[in-house]
């Protein structure tokens, strides 16, 4: 399928798909039988990869982390235990971020209280 069809099927914009391609997360292929254009064609594996990218981004993975995950997952370079370790590491990072955000929320609430009580 061409990029426009891929975008419609996945709900991801053409611009974003091209960004993922430039980032090395996905790769289109040229049809060797067609020499009149430079269109890239995408297969069902690309659709699967885009779904993985979408899911990974939604839970906080960076593009770099997603690239590492995809290399490992699709090339079977890591064991199940290593995959679980990667996910556990991300969970720990999220927990740390939640603690930071709670601290920030507490500070802002205190600032707000100080403003209301005219202490600043």
C-alpha atoms as a PDB file:
ATOM      1  CA  UNK A   1       0.000   0.000   0.000  1.00  0.00           C
ATOM      2  CA  UNK A   2       1.067   3.589  -0.547  1.00  0.00           C
ATOM      3  CA  UNK A   3       1.611   6.074   2.264  1.00  0.00           C
ATOM      4  CA  UNK A   4      -1.825   7.709   1.961  1.00  0.00           C
ATOM      5  CA  UNK A   5      -3.554   4.363   2.369  1.00  0.00           C
ATOM      6  CA  UNK A   6      -1.237   3.505   5.275  1.00  0.00           C
ATOM      7  CA  UNK A   7      -2.145   6.788   6.950  1.00  0.00           C
ATOM      8  CA  UNK A   8      -5.871   6.101   6.542  1.00  0.00           C
ATOM      9  CA  UNK A   9      -5.544   2.543   7.820  1.00  0.00           C
ATOM     10  CA  UNK A  10      -3.499   3.444  10.894  1.00  0.00           C
ATOM     11  CA  UNK A  11      -4.892   6.877  11.739  1.00  0.00           C
ATOM     12  CA  UNK A  12      -1.362   8.294  11.690  1.00  0.00           C
ATOM     13  CA  UNK A  13      -0.661  11.314   9.493  1.00  0.00           C
ATOM     14  CA  UNK A  14       1.541  11.082   6.415  1.00  0.00           C
ATOM     15  CA  UNK A  15       3.865  13.638   8.000  1.00  0.00           C
ATOM     16  CA  UNK A  16       4.266  11.483  11.128  1.00  0.00           C
ATOM     17  CA  UNK A  17       4.805   8.329   9.085  1.00  0.00           C
ATOM     18  CA  UNK A  18       7.577  10.085   7.168  1.00  0.00           C
ATOM     19  CA  UNK A  19       9.105  11.202  10.466  1.00  0.00           C
ATOM     20  CA  UNK A  20       9.094   7.601  11.724  1.00  0.00           C
ATOM     21  CA  UNK A  21      10.690   6.526   8.470  1.00  0.00           C
ATOM     22  CA  UNK A  22      13.435   9.167   8.774  1.00  0.00           C
ATOM     23  CA  UNK A  23      13.944   8.040  12.385  1.00  0.00           C
ATOM     24  CA  UNK A  24      14.510   4.492  11.157  1.00  0.00           C
ATOM     25  CA  UNK A  25      11.477   2.996  12.889  1.00  0.00           C
ATOM     26  CA  UNK A  26       9.819   1.830   9.671  1.00  0.00           C
ATOM     27  CA  UNK A  27      10.939   1.339   6.117  1.00  0.00           C
ATOM     28  CA  UNK A  28       9.041   1.493   2.853  1.00  0.00           C
ATOM     29  CA  UNK A  29      10.040  -0.514  -0.172  1.00  0.00           C
ATOM     30  CA  UNK A  30      10.103   0.508  -3.795  1.00  0.00           C
ATOM     31  CA  UNK A  31       8.202  -1.624  -6.272  1.00  0.00           C
ATOM     32  CA  UNK A  32      10.915  -2.975  -8.586  1.00  0.00           C
ATOM     33  CA  UNK A  33       8.385  -3.456 -11.379  1.00  0.00           C
ATOM     34  CA  UNK A  34       7.465   0.237 -11.426  1.00  0.00           C
ATOM     35  CA  UNK A  35      10.169   2.540 -12.775  1.00  0.00           C
ATOM     36  CA  UNK A  36       8.052   5.589 -13.518  1.00  0.00           C
ATOM     37  CA  UNK A  37       7.868   6.901  -9.941  1.00  0.00           C
ATOM     38  CA  UNK A  38       9.689   6.803  -6.635  1.00  0.00           C
ATOM     39  CA  UNK A  39       6.741   5.729  -4.495  1.00  0.00           C
ATOM     40  CA  UNK A  40       7.358   3.648  -1.406  1.00  0.00           C
ATOM     41  CA  UNK A  41       5.086   0.728  -0.639  1.00  0.00           C
ATOM     42  CA  UNK A  42       4.265  -0.523   2.853  1.00  0.00           C
ATOM     43  CA  UNK A  43       3.192  -3.961   4.026  1.00  0.00           C
ATOM     44  CA  UNK A  44       1.207  -5.368   6.950  1.00  0.00           C
ATOM     45  CA  UNK A  45       4.345  -5.561   9.104  1.00  0.00           C
ATOM     46  CA  UNK A  46       4.590  -1.783   8.804  1.00  0.00           C
ATOM     47  CA  UNK A  47       0.996  -1.517  10.027  1.00  0.00           C
ATOM     48  CA  UNK A  48       1.939  -3.685  13.034  1.00  0.00           C
ATOM     49  CA  UNK A  49       5.031  -1.590  13.705  1.00  0.00           C
ATOM     50  CA  UNK A  50       3.018   1.630  13.578  1.00  0.00           C
ATOM     51  CA  UNK A  51       0.562   0.157  16.099  1.00  0.00           C
ATOM     52  CA  UNK A  52       3.490  -0.702  18.377  1.00  0.00           C
ATOM     53  CA  UNK A  53       4.924   2.806  17.972  1.00  0.00           C
ATOM     54  CA  UNK A  54       1.554   4.363  18.755  1.00  0.00           C
ATOM     55  CA  UNK A  55       1.127   2.217  21.883  1.00  0.00           C
ATOM     56  CA  UNK A  56       4.690   2.787  23.073  1.00  0.00           C
ATOM     57  CA  UNK A  57       4.388   6.559  22.624  1.00  0.00           C
ATOM     58  CA  UNK A  58       1.104   6.582  24.531  1.00  0.00           C
ATOM     59  CA  UNK A  59       2.809   5.099  27.597  1.00  0.00           C
ATOM     60  CA  UNK A  60       5.800   7.418  27.504  1.00  0.00           C
ATOM     61  CA  UNK A  61       8.505   5.732  25.454  1.00  0.00           C
ATOM     62  CA  UNK A  62      10.740   8.121  23.518  1.00  0.00           C
ATOM     63  CA  UNK A  63      11.466   7.673  19.806  1.00  0.00           C
ATOM     64  CA  UNK A  64      14.951   6.441  20.701  1.00  0.00           C
ATOM     65  CA  UNK A  65      13.582   3.910  23.187  1.00  0.00           C
ATOM     66  CA  UNK A  66      10.991   2.764  20.666  1.00  0.00           C
ATOM     67  CA  UNK A  67      13.749   2.234  18.106  1.00  0.00           C
ATOM     68  CA  UNK A  68      15.665   0.059  20.548  1.00  0.00           C
ATOM     69  CA  UNK A  69      12.535  -1.895  21.435  1.00  0.00           C
ATOM     70  CA  UNK A  70      11.629  -2.481  17.813  1.00  0.00           C
ATOM     71  CA  UNK A  71      15.144  -3.624  16.929  1.00  0.00           C
ATOM     72  CA  UNK A  72      15.066  -6.091  19.791  1.00  0.00           C
ATOM     73  CA  UNK A  73      11.480  -7.277  19.292  1.00  0.00           C
ATOM     74  CA  UNK A  74      11.556  -7.660  15.524  1.00  0.00           C
ATOM     75  CA  UNK A  75      15.047  -9.098  15.327  1.00  0.00           C
ATOM     76  CA  UNK A  76      14.520 -11.436  18.302  1.00  0.00           C
ATOM     77  CA  UNK A  77      17.750 -10.144  19.819  1.00  0.00           C
ATOM     78  CA  UNK A  78      16.598 -10.251  23.429  1.00  0.00           C
ATOM     79  CA  UNK A  79      15.031 -12.906  25.610  1.00  0.00           C
ATOM     80  CA  UNK A  80      11.659 -12.688  27.286  1.00  0.00           C
ATOM     81  CA  UNK A  81      13.406 -11.929  30.584  1.00  0.00           C
ATOM     82  CA  UNK A  82      15.272  -9.033  28.952  1.00  0.00           C
ATOM     83  CA  UNK A  83      12.031  -7.725  27.431  1.00  0.00           C
ATOM     84  CA  UNK A  84      10.424  -7.815  30.874  1.00  0.00           C
ATOM     85  CA  UNK A  85      13.448  -6.020  32.340  1.00  0.00           C
ATOM     86  CA  UNK A  86      13.071  -3.217  29.769  1.00  0.00           C
ATOM     87  CA  UNK A  87       9.400  -2.852  30.672  1.00  0.00           C
ATOM     88  CA  UNK A  88      10.163  -2.938  34.408  1.00  0.00           C
ATOM     89  CA  UNK A  89      12.755  -0.197  33.898  1.00  0.00           C
ATOM     90  CA  UNK A  90      10.168   1.957  32.142  1.00  0.00           C
ATOM     91  CA  UNK A  91       7.667   1.327  34.941  1.00  0.00           C
ATOM     92  CA  UNK A  92      10.260   2.465  37.499  1.00  0.00           C
ATOM     93  CA  UNK A  93      10.951   5.616  35.460  1.00  0.00           C
ATOM     94  CA  UNK A  94       7.220   6.357  35.348  1.00  0.00           C
ATOM     95  CA  UNK A  95       6.971   5.898  39.130  1.00  0.00           C
ATOM     96  CA  UNK A  96       9.842   8.352  39.596  1.00  0.00           C
ATOM     97  CA  UNK A  97       8.124  10.854  37.318  1.00  0.00           C
ATOM     98  CA  UNK A  98       4.865  10.480  39.261  1.00  0.00           C
ATOM     99  CA  UNK A  99       6.757  11.287  42.495  1.00  0.00           C
ATOM    100  CA  UNK A 100       8.282  14.369  40.853  1.00  0.00           C
ATOM    101  CA  UNK A 101       4.902  15.544  39.612  1.00  0.00           C
ATOM    102  CA  UNK A 102       3.329  15.055  43.042  1.00  0.00           C
ATOM    103  CA  UNK A 103       6.097  17.164  44.546  1.00  0.00           C
ATOM    104  CA  UNK A 104       5.519  19.875  41.951  1.00  0.00           C
ATOM    105  CA  UNK A 105       1.785  19.776  42.608  1.00  0.00           C
ATOM    106  CA  UNK A 106       2.379  20.171  46.352  1.00  0.00           C
ATOM    107  CA  UNK A 107       4.662  23.180  45.777  1.00  0.00           C
ATOM    108  CA  UNK A 108       2.177  24.883  43.447  1.00  0.00           C
ATOM    109  CA  UNK A 109      -0.636  24.275  45.927  1.00  0.00           C
ATOM    110  CA  UNK A 110       1.484  25.928  48.621  1.00  0.00           C
ATOM    111  CA  UNK A 111       2.229  28.883  46.321  1.00  0.00           C
ATOM    112  CA  UNK A 112      -1.489  29.216  45.630  1.00  0.00           C
ATOM    113  CA  UNK A 113      -2.242  29.158  49.368  1.00  0.00           C
ATOM    114  CA  UNK A 114       0.392  31.837  49.947  1.00  0.00           C
ATOM    115  CA  UNK A 115      -1.180  34.039  47.262  1.00  0.00           C
ATOM    116  CA  UNK A 116      -4.658  33.599  48.744  1.00  0.00           C
ATOM    117  CA  UNK A 117      -3.377  34.457  52.229  1.00  0.00           C
ATOM    118  CA  UNK A 118      -1.414  37.404  50.772  1.00  0.00           C
ATOM    119  CA  UNK A 119       1.901  35.982  52.042  1.00  0.00           C
ATOM    120  CA  UNK A 120       3.888  36.763  48.913  1.00  0.00           C
END
